[in-house]
Amino acid sequence: MKLSISSQEDRQIVTIEEARLDAAIATAFKDRMREILPQAGAGIILDLSQVNFMDSSGLGAVIAVLKAMPEGRELQLAGLTPNVERVFRLTHMNSVFKIIGQAGNGTDGRLIDGRSSVGAPDAASPPENRPG
């Protein structure tokens, strides 16, 4: 399980350096994240830009990290690839997690599910998420 950690202001950016977040590595991922959580500052940005496949075990591991977040700290997801974004959308977890565009650009206001505080929603957003 390869993770890299960097900082952005008062948050930790944790990049998953694996192509798959699945049953084979879900437990190792949760264990590593439990070690990182106490150092989270105001929160963690979980960069999934290198993850091309996520199964239910991987999704469950990300949910476990959300539940383990210390009170008052935020977990944001960034850089979702189309396949991973589809998993969050089909399971309606995109309404549970704060999903931002890119890890290094977490203040741009662009959210993957089409909500945005700056500019128009993403053209790839499902119609039900577009303002109308």
Protein backbone atom coordinates (compact mmCIF):
# COMPACT_ATOMS: atom_id res chain seq x y z
CA MET A 1 0.00 0.00 0.00
CA LYS A 2 1.67 3.17 -1.21
CA LEU A 3 0.58 6.53 0.19
CA SER A 4 2.34 9.87 -0.03
CA ILE A 5 1.65 12.78 2.29
CA SER A 6 2.11 16.48 1.69
CA SER A 7 0.66 19.63 3.21
CA GLN A 8 -1.61 22.36 1.90
CA GLU A 9 -2.13 25.17 4.38
CA ASP A 10 -3.53 23.43 7.48
CA ARG A 11 -4.55 20.18 5.74
CA GLN A 12 -2.73 16.98 4.91
CA ILE A 13 -2.95 15.76 1.31
CA VAL A 14 -2.81 11.98 1.22
CA THR A 15 -2.26 10.57 -2.27
CA ILE A 16 -3.07 6.93 -2.89
CA GLU A 17 -0.30 5.75 -5.20
CA GLU A 18 -2.11 2.62 -6.32
CA ALA A 19 -4.17 1.91 -9.45
CA ARG A 20 -6.71 -0.10 -7.45
CA LEU A 21 -8.39 0.43 -4.09
CA ASP A 22 -9.99 -2.96 -3.62
CA ALA A 23 -10.30 -5.89 -1.21
CA ALA A 24 -6.62 -6.75 -1.62
CA ILE A 25 -5.44 -3.48 -0.03
CA ALA A 26 -8.49 -2.05 1.77
CA THR A 27 -7.37 -3.20 5.24
CA ALA A 28 -3.82 -1.89 4.75
CA PHE A 29 -5.27 1.42 3.55
CA LYS A 30 -7.47 1.78 6.64
CA ASP A 31 -4.56 0.91 8.94
CA ARG A 32 -2.26 3.50 7.32
CA MET A 33 -4.97 6.15 7.43
CA ARG A 34 -5.55 5.52 11.16
CA GLU A 35 -1.86 6.35 11.68
CA ILE A 36 -2.22 9.59 9.67
CA LEU A 37 -5.50 10.88 11.14
CA PRO A 38 -4.07 12.31 14.39
CA GLN A 39 -1.82 14.62 12.31
CA ALA A 40 -4.67 15.82 10.09
CA GLY A 41 -4.72 19.47 11.21
CA ALA A 42 -8.03 20.91 9.96
CA GLY A 43 -8.56 17.89 7.76
CA ILE A 44 -7.40 15.56 5.06
CA ILE A 45 -7.65 15.79 1.30
CA LEU A 46 -7.61 12.24 -0.05
CA ASP A 47 -6.19 12.37 -3.57
CA LEU A 48 -7.61 9.51 -5.64
CA SER A 49 -6.23 10.69 -9.00
CA GLN A 50 -4.10 7.56 -9.46
CA VAL A 51 -6.91 5.13 -8.54
CA ASN A 52 -8.57 3.73 -11.65
CA PHE A 53 -10.62 1.01 -9.95
CA MET A 54 -12.50 0.88 -6.66
CA ASP A 55 -14.67 -2.00 -5.47
CA SER A 56 -17.07 -2.15 -2.54
CA SER A 57 -14.23 -2.96 -0.14
CA GLY A 58 -12.34 0.13 -1.28
CA LEU A 59 -15.46 2.26 -0.90
CA GLY A 60 -16.03 0.78 2.55
CA ALA A 61 -12.45 1.65 3.51
CA VAL A 62 -12.95 5.29 2.48
CA ILE A 63 -16.21 5.39 4.46
CA ALA A 64 -14.36 3.94 7.48
CA VAL A 65 -11.81 6.76 7.21
CA LEU A 66 -14.65 9.32 7.13
CA LYS A 67 -16.16 7.80 10.28
CA ALA A 68 -12.76 7.77 12.00
CA MET A 69 -12.07 11.46 11.34
CA PRO A 70 -11.58 13.37 14.60
CA GLU A 71 -14.44 15.69 15.49
CA GLY A 72 -14.20 19.06 13.78
CA ARG A 73 -11.91 17.81 11.02
CA GLU A 74 -12.99 17.38 7.42
CA LEU A 75 -12.27 14.67 4.85
CA GLN A 76 -12.33 15.84 1.23
CA LEU A 77 -11.90 13.62 -1.80
CA ALA A 78 -10.04 14.93 -4.83
CA GLY A 79 -9.04 13.88 -8.32
CA LEU A 80 -11.63 11.17 -8.84
CA THR A 81 -11.12 9.30 -12.09
CA PRO A 82 -14.30 8.59 -14.11
CA ASN A 83 -14.58 4.98 -12.89
CA VAL A 84 -14.13 5.95 -9.24
CA GLU A 85 -16.50 8.91 -9.56
CA ARG A 86 -19.10 6.52 -10.98
CA VAL A 87 -18.83 4.31 -7.87
CA PHE A 88 -19.52 7.32 -5.63
CA ARG A 89 -22.38 8.53 -7.81
CA LEU A 90 -24.11 5.13 -8.19
CA THR A 91 -23.95 4.50 -4.44
CA HIS A 92 -25.04 8.10 -3.70
CA MET A 93 -21.88 8.56 -1.64
CA ASN A 94 -21.22 11.72 -3.67
CA SER A 95 -23.82 13.33 -1.41
CA VAL A 96 -22.01 12.14 1.74
CA PHE A 97 -18.46 13.15 0.85
CA LYS A 98 -17.17 16.58 -0.12
CA ILE A 99 -15.60 15.94 -3.52
CA ILE A 100 -13.34 18.60 -4.97
CA GLY A 101 -11.67 18.83 -8.37
CA GLN A 102 -7.95 18.47 -7.66
CA ALA A 103 -5.98 17.99 -4.44
CA GLY A 104 -3.65 20.93 -4.99
CA ASN A 105 -6.58 23.17 -5.88
CA GLY A 106 -8.99 22.50 -3.04
CA THR A 107 -10.15 26.09 -2.73
CA ASP A 108 -11.43 26.47 -6.30
CA GLY A 109 -15.01 25.68 -5.28
CA ARG A 110 -15.53 23.12 -8.06
CA LEU A 111 -17.27 20.02 -6.81
CA ILE A 112 -17.41 16.88 -8.87
CA ASP A 113 -21.16 16.37 -8.53
CA GLY A 114 -21.92 19.62 -10.35
CA ARG A 115 -22.37 22.00 -7.43
CA SER A 116 -20.06 24.95 -7.68
CA SER A 117 -19.43 28.18 -5.88
CA VAL A 118 -17.55 29.62 -8.86
CA GLY A 119 -18.79 29.49 -12.44
CA ALA A 120 -21.06 26.99 -14.14
CA PRO A 121 -21.43 23.33 -13.20
CA ASP A 122 -19.28 20.77 -14.93
CA ALA A 123 -20.77 19.81 -18.31
CA ALA A 124 -20.24 16.14 -17.44
CA SER A 125 -22.54 16.41 -14.43
CA PRO A 126 -25.72 14.36 -14.50
CA PRO A 127 -28.76 16.51 -15.46
CA GLU A 128 -30.35 16.02 -12.03
CA ASN A 129 -27.38 17.87 -10.47
CA ARG A 130 -27.46 20.84 -12.83
CA PRO A 131 -29.28 23.98 -11.76
CA GLY A 132 -32.34 24.51 -13.81
